[in-house]
């Protein structure tokens, strides 16, 4: 049995509440690591640069989901400007958060 299939079967065998707790703990751990890295990188890089690389690597992680969607467009929307506004506000929030993390003691 392939490893991915075994991991998926093991994950699905867990109760929903246990999966929720594991996802929350993992999220907290990853956000803590990101905050520490921002603090560390903020000594050498500007907040805009750190935000750019965070968004770039997030895009790279998201790209396979778009490319693996065959036959139809991966994502359809009739609210392009709403999504654009949401993305712009999200980027501004990331930059502001990273600035606060690196400059406030």
N, C-alpha and C. Protein backbone atom coordinates (compact mmCIF):
# COMPACT_ATOMS: atom_id res chain seq x y z
N UNK A 1 0.85 -1.18 0.00
CA UNK A 1 0.00 0.00 0.00
C UNK A 1 0.90 1.24 0.00
N UNK A 2 0.67 2.17 -0.93
CA UNK A 2 1.49 3.38 -0.97
C UNK A 2 1.38 4.18 0.33
N UNK A 3 2.42 4.90 0.62
CA UNK A 3 2.50 5.65 1.87
C UNK A 3 1.40 6.72 1.97
N UNK A 4 1.12 7.41 0.87
CA UNK A 4 0.10 8.45 0.89
C UNK A 4 -1.27 7.85 1.17
N UNK A 5 -1.55 6.72 0.55
CA UNK A 5 -2.83 6.06 0.77
C UNK A 5 -2.96 5.59 2.22
N UNK A 6 -1.88 5.07 2.77
CA UNK A 6 -1.88 4.64 4.17
C UNK A 6 -2.10 5.83 5.11
N UNK A 7 -1.43 6.95 4.82
CA UNK A 7 -1.59 8.14 5.66
C UNK A 7 -3.01 8.67 5.58
N UNK A 8 -3.60 8.68 4.38
CA UNK A 8 -4.97 9.15 4.22
C UNK A 8 -5.94 8.26 4.98
N UNK A 9 -5.75 6.95 4.89
CA UNK A 9 -6.62 6.02 5.60
C UNK A 9 -6.48 6.20 7.12
N UNK A 10 -5.26 6.39 7.60
CA UNK A 10 -5.04 6.60 9.03
C UNK A 10 -5.68 7.91 9.48
N UNK A 11 -5.55 8.95 8.68
CA UNK A 11 -6.13 10.26 9.01
C UNK A 11 -7.65 10.17 9.07
N UNK A 12 -8.24 9.52 8.10
CA UNK A 12 -9.70 9.41 8.06
C UNK A 12 -10.24 8.51 9.16
N UNK A 13 -9.40 7.64 9.71
CA UNK A 13 -9.83 6.76 10.80
C UNK A 13 -9.92 7.50 12.13
N UNK A 14 -9.24 8.65 12.24
CA UNK A 14 -9.29 9.42 13.49
C UNK A 14 -10.65 10.07 13.66
N UNK A 15 -11.10 10.21 14.90
CA UNK A 15 -12.36 10.94 15.14
C UNK A 15 -12.21 12.40 14.69
N UNK A 16 -13.32 13.00 14.29
CA UNK A 16 -13.30 14.36 13.78
C UNK A 16 -12.73 15.35 14.79
N UNK A 17 -13.05 15.17 16.06
CA UNK A 17 -12.55 16.09 17.09
C UNK A 17 -11.03 16.00 17.23
N UNK A 18 -10.48 14.81 17.09
CA UNK A 18 -9.02 14.64 17.17
C UNK A 18 -8.35 15.30 15.96
N UNK A 19 -8.95 15.13 14.79
CA UNK A 19 -8.40 15.78 13.59
C UNK A 19 -8.42 17.30 13.75
N UNK A 20 -9.51 17.83 14.32
CA UNK A 20 -9.62 19.28 14.52
C UNK A 20 -8.54 19.79 15.46
N UNK A 21 -8.31 19.07 16.55
CA UNK A 21 -7.27 19.47 17.51
C UNK A 21 -5.89 19.41 16.84
N UNK A 22 -5.60 18.36 16.09
CA UNK A 22 -4.31 18.25 15.41
C UNK A 22 -4.11 19.38 14.40
N UNK A 23 -5.15 19.74 13.67
CA UNK A 23 -5.03 20.85 12.72
C UNK A 23 -4.82 22.18 13.43
N UNK A 24 -5.49 22.40 14.55
CA UNK A 24 -5.31 23.64 15.31
C UNK A 24 -3.90 23.73 15.90
N UNK A 25 -3.41 22.65 16.46
CA UNK A 25 -2.05 22.64 17.02
C UNK A 25 -1.02 22.87 15.92
N UNK A 26 -1.22 22.23 14.77
CA UNK A 26 -0.30 22.42 13.65
C UNK A 26 -0.33 23.86 13.17
N UNK A 27 -1.52 24.45 13.07
CA UNK A 27 -1.64 25.85 12.66
C UNK A 27 -0.94 26.79 13.63
N UNK A 28 -1.14 26.57 14.91
CA UNK A 28 -0.47 27.41 15.93
C UNK A 28 1.04 27.28 15.84
N UNK A 29 1.51 26.06 15.66
CA UNK A 29 2.95 25.82 15.53
C UNK A 29 3.52 26.54 14.31
N UNK A 30 2.84 26.43 13.18
CA UNK A 30 3.34 27.06 11.95
C UNK A 30 3.28 28.58 12.04
N UNK A 31 2.23 29.15 12.65
CA UNK A 31 2.18 30.61 12.81
C UNK A 31 3.26 31.09 13.77
N UNK A 32 3.57 30.31 14.79
CA UNK A 32 4.65 30.68 15.71
C UNK A 32 6.00 30.67 15.01
N UNK A 33 6.21 29.65 14.19
CA UNK A 33 7.46 29.58 13.42
C UNK A 33 7.55 30.75 12.46
N UNK A 34 6.44 31.08 11.79
CA UNK A 34 6.46 32.21 10.87
C UNK A 34 6.77 33.50 11.61
N UNK A 35 6.17 33.71 12.78
CA UNK A 35 6.45 34.92 13.55
C UNK A 35 7.91 35.01 13.97
N UNK A 36 8.48 33.89 14.38
CA UNK A 36 9.90 33.89 14.77
C UNK A 36 10.79 34.17 13.56
N UNK A 37 10.45 33.59 12.42
CA UNK A 37 11.24 33.85 11.21
C UNK A 37 11.12 35.30 10.76
N UNK A 38 9.94 35.88 10.87
CA UNK A 38 9.76 37.29 10.51
C UNK A 38 10.60 38.16 11.43
N UNK A 39 10.58 37.85 12.70
CA UNK A 39 11.38 38.62 13.66
C UNK A 39 12.88 38.51 13.34
N UNK A 40 13.31 37.30 13.01
CA UNK A 40 14.72 37.07 12.68
C UNK A 40 15.10 37.75 11.36
N UNK A 41 14.28 37.57 10.33
CA UNK A 41 14.58 38.16 9.03
C UNK A 41 14.42 39.67 9.04
N UNK A 42 13.59 40.19 9.93
CA UNK A 42 13.37 41.63 10.01
C UNK A 42 14.60 42.41 10.40
N UNK A 43 15.61 41.75 10.94
CA UNK A 43 16.86 42.42 11.27
C UNK A 43 17.66 42.77 10.03
N UNK A 44 17.39 42.04 8.92
CA UNK A 44 18.17 42.24 7.69
C UNK A 44 17.34 42.69 6.50
N UNK A 45 16.06 42.33 6.48
CA UNK A 45 15.21 42.63 5.33
C UNK A 45 14.09 43.57 5.72
N UNK A 46 13.57 44.28 4.72
CA UNK A 46 12.43 45.16 4.92
C UNK A 46 11.14 44.34 5.01
N UNK A 47 10.12 44.88 5.63
CA UNK A 47 8.85 44.18 5.77
C UNK A 47 8.23 43.84 4.42
N UNK A 48 8.40 44.71 3.43
CA UNK A 48 7.88 44.45 2.09
C UNK A 48 8.55 43.23 1.47
N UNK A 49 9.84 43.10 1.66
CA UNK A 49 10.56 41.95 1.12
C UNK A 49 10.12 40.66 1.79
N UNK A 50 9.96 40.68 3.09
CA UNK A 50 9.53 39.49 3.81
C UNK A 50 8.12 39.10 3.36
N UNK A 51 7.23 40.08 3.22
CA UNK A 51 5.86 39.82 2.77
C UNK A 51 5.87 39.27 1.34
N UNK A 52 6.74 39.79 0.48
CA UNK A 52 6.82 39.28 -0.88
C UNK A 52 7.18 37.80 -0.89
N UNK A 53 8.20 37.43 -0.14
CA UNK A 53 8.63 36.03 -0.14
C UNK A 53 7.58 35.12 0.52
N UNK A 54 6.88 35.61 1.52
CA UNK A 54 5.81 34.82 2.12
C UNK A 54 4.70 34.57 1.10
N UNK A 55 4.31 35.61 0.38
CA UNK A 55 3.27 35.45 -0.65
C UNK A 55 3.76 34.60 -1.82
N UNK A 56 5.02 34.76 -2.19
CA UNK A 56 5.58 33.98 -3.30
C UNK A 56 5.58 32.49 -2.97
N UNK A 57 6.06 32.12 -1.80
CA UNK A 57 6.09 30.71 -1.44
C UNK A 57 4.69 30.15 -1.19
N UNK A 58 3.77 31.00 -0.73
CA UNK A 58 2.38 30.58 -0.63
C UNK A 58 1.78 30.29 -2.00
N UNK A 59 2.13 31.13 -2.98
CA UNK A 59 1.68 30.91 -4.35
C UNK A 59 2.24 29.62 -4.92
N UNK A 60 3.52 29.35 -4.65
CA UNK A 60 4.15 28.11 -5.13
C UNK A 60 3.45 26.89 -4.52
N UNK A 61 3.07 26.97 -3.24
CA UNK A 61 2.38 25.86 -2.60
C UNK A 61 0.97 25.68 -3.16
N UNK A 62 0.34 26.76 -3.61
CA UNK A 62 -1.03 26.73 -4.14
C UNK A 62 -1.08 26.31 -5.61
N UNK A 63 -0.01 26.55 -6.34
CA UNK A 63 0.04 26.32 -7.79
C UNK A 63 -0.31 24.90 -8.22
N UNK A 64 0.16 23.84 -7.56
CA UNK A 64 -0.20 22.49 -8.01
C UNK A 64 -1.71 22.24 -8.03
N UNK A 65 -2.45 22.84 -7.11
CA UNK A 65 -3.90 22.65 -7.09
C UNK A 65 -4.54 23.26 -8.33
N UNK A 66 -3.97 24.35 -8.82
CA UNK A 66 -4.49 24.99 -10.02
C UNK A 66 -4.09 24.18 -11.26
N UNK A 67 -2.85 23.73 -11.30
CA UNK A 67 -2.35 23.03 -12.48
C UNK A 67 -2.91 21.62 -12.62
N UNK A 68 -3.26 20.98 -11.52
CA UNK A 68 -3.77 19.62 -11.59
C UNK A 68 -5.25 19.55 -11.96
N UNK A 69 -5.92 20.67 -11.98
CA UNK A 69 -7.33 20.71 -12.35
C UNK A 69 -7.41 20.64 -13.87
N UNK A 70 -7.89 19.51 -14.41
CA UNK A 70 -7.90 19.31 -15.85
C UNK A 70 -9.31 19.45 -16.41
N UNK A 71 -9.39 19.83 -17.66
CA UNK A 71 -10.67 19.85 -18.35
C UNK A 71 -11.43 21.15 -18.27
N UNK A 72 -11.43 21.81 -17.12
CA UNK A 72 -12.12 23.07 -16.97
C UNK A 72 -11.19 24.08 -16.32
N UNK A 73 -11.63 25.29 -16.31
CA UNK A 73 -10.83 26.30 -15.62
C UNK A 73 -10.79 25.95 -14.14
N UNK A 74 -9.66 26.16 -13.54
CA UNK A 74 -9.49 25.77 -12.14
C UNK A 74 -10.41 26.55 -11.21
N UNK A 75 -10.52 27.82 -11.43
CA UNK A 75 -11.34 28.66 -10.56
C UNK A 75 -12.14 29.62 -11.43
N UNK A 76 -13.44 29.62 -11.22
CA UNK A 76 -14.31 30.55 -11.94
C UNK A 76 -14.93 31.49 -10.94
N UNK A 77 -15.11 32.73 -11.36
CA UNK A 77 -15.75 33.70 -10.49
C UNK A 77 -16.44 34.77 -11.32
N UNK A 78 -17.49 35.28 -10.78
CA UNK A 78 -18.15 36.44 -11.39
C UNK A 78 -17.87 37.69 -10.58
N UNK A 79 -17.10 37.53 -9.50
CA UNK A 79 -16.80 38.65 -8.59
C UNK A 79 -15.30 38.93 -8.57
N UNK A 80 -14.73 39.17 -9.73
CA UNK A 80 -13.29 39.38 -9.83
C UNK A 80 -12.83 40.54 -8.96
N UNK A 81 -13.53 41.66 -9.01
CA UNK A 81 -13.09 42.84 -8.27
C UNK A 81 -13.18 42.62 -6.75
N UNK A 82 -14.16 41.87 -6.32
CA UNK A 82 -14.25 41.54 -4.90
C UNK A 82 -13.07 40.69 -4.44
N UNK A 83 -12.67 39.72 -5.27
CA UNK A 83 -11.50 38.89 -4.94
C UNK A 83 -10.22 39.72 -4.98
N UNK A 84 -10.13 40.62 -5.93
CA UNK A 84 -8.96 41.49 -6.03
C UNK A 84 -8.86 42.39 -4.79
N UNK A 85 -9.99 42.96 -4.37
CA UNK A 85 -10.01 43.81 -3.18
C UNK A 85 -9.62 43.02 -1.94
N UNK A 86 -10.15 41.81 -1.80
CA UNK A 86 -9.80 40.94 -0.68
C UNK A 86 -8.31 40.64 -0.66
N UNK A 87 -7.74 40.35 -1.83
CA UNK A 87 -6.31 40.06 -1.92
C UNK A 87 -5.47 41.28 -1.55
N UNK A 88 -5.88 42.45 -2.03
CA UNK A 88 -5.14 43.68 -1.72
C UNK A 88 -5.17 43.98 -0.22
N UNK A 89 -6.33 43.81 0.40
CA UNK A 89 -6.43 44.03 1.84
C UNK A 89 -5.61 43.00 2.61
N UNK A 90 -5.61 41.76 2.12
CA UNK A 90 -4.80 40.71 2.76
C UNK A 90 -3.32 41.00 2.69
N UNK A 91 -2.84 41.46 1.55
CA UNK A 91 -1.42 41.80 1.41
C UNK A 91 -1.07 42.97 2.31
N UNK A 92 -1.94 43.98 2.36
CA UNK A 92 -1.69 45.13 3.25
C UNK A 92 -1.64 44.68 4.71
N UNK A 93 -2.50 43.75 5.09
CA UNK A 93 -2.50 43.24 6.46
C UNK A 93 -1.23 42.46 6.76
N UNK A 94 -0.76 41.67 5.80
CA UNK A 94 0.49 40.93 6.00
C UNK A 94 1.66 41.89 6.19
N UNK A 95 1.73 42.90 5.34
CA UNK A 95 2.83 43.87 5.44
C UNK A 95 2.76 44.61 6.78
N UNK A 96 1.55 45.04 7.18
CA UNK A 96 1.40 45.75 8.45
C UNK A 96 1.76 44.85 9.63
N UNK A 97 1.34 43.59 9.57
CA UNK A 97 1.67 42.65 10.65
C UNK A 97 3.16 42.38 10.74
N UNK A 98 3.79 42.21 9.58
CA UNK A 98 5.23 41.98 9.58
C UNK A 98 5.99 43.21 10.04
N UNK A 99 5.52 44.40 9.66
CA UNK A 99 6.15 45.64 10.12
C UNK A 99 6.06 45.74 11.65
N UNK A 100 4.88 45.47 12.18
CA UNK A 100 4.70 45.52 13.63
C UNK A 100 5.57 44.49 14.34
N UNK A 101 5.68 43.31 13.76
CA UNK A 101 6.50 42.25 14.37
C UNK A 101 7.97 42.64 14.40
N UNK A 102 8.44 43.28 13.34
CA UNK A 102 9.88 43.58 13.27
C UNK A 102 10.25 44.90 13.97
N UNK A 103 9.33 45.85 14.09
CA UNK A 103 9.69 47.15 14.63
C UNK A 103 9.20 47.43 16.04
N UNK A 104 8.20 46.71 16.51
CA UNK A 104 7.68 46.95 17.85
C UNK A 104 8.32 45.97 18.83
N UNK A 105 8.68 46.47 19.96
CA UNK A 105 9.35 45.64 20.95
C UNK A 105 8.39 45.09 21.93
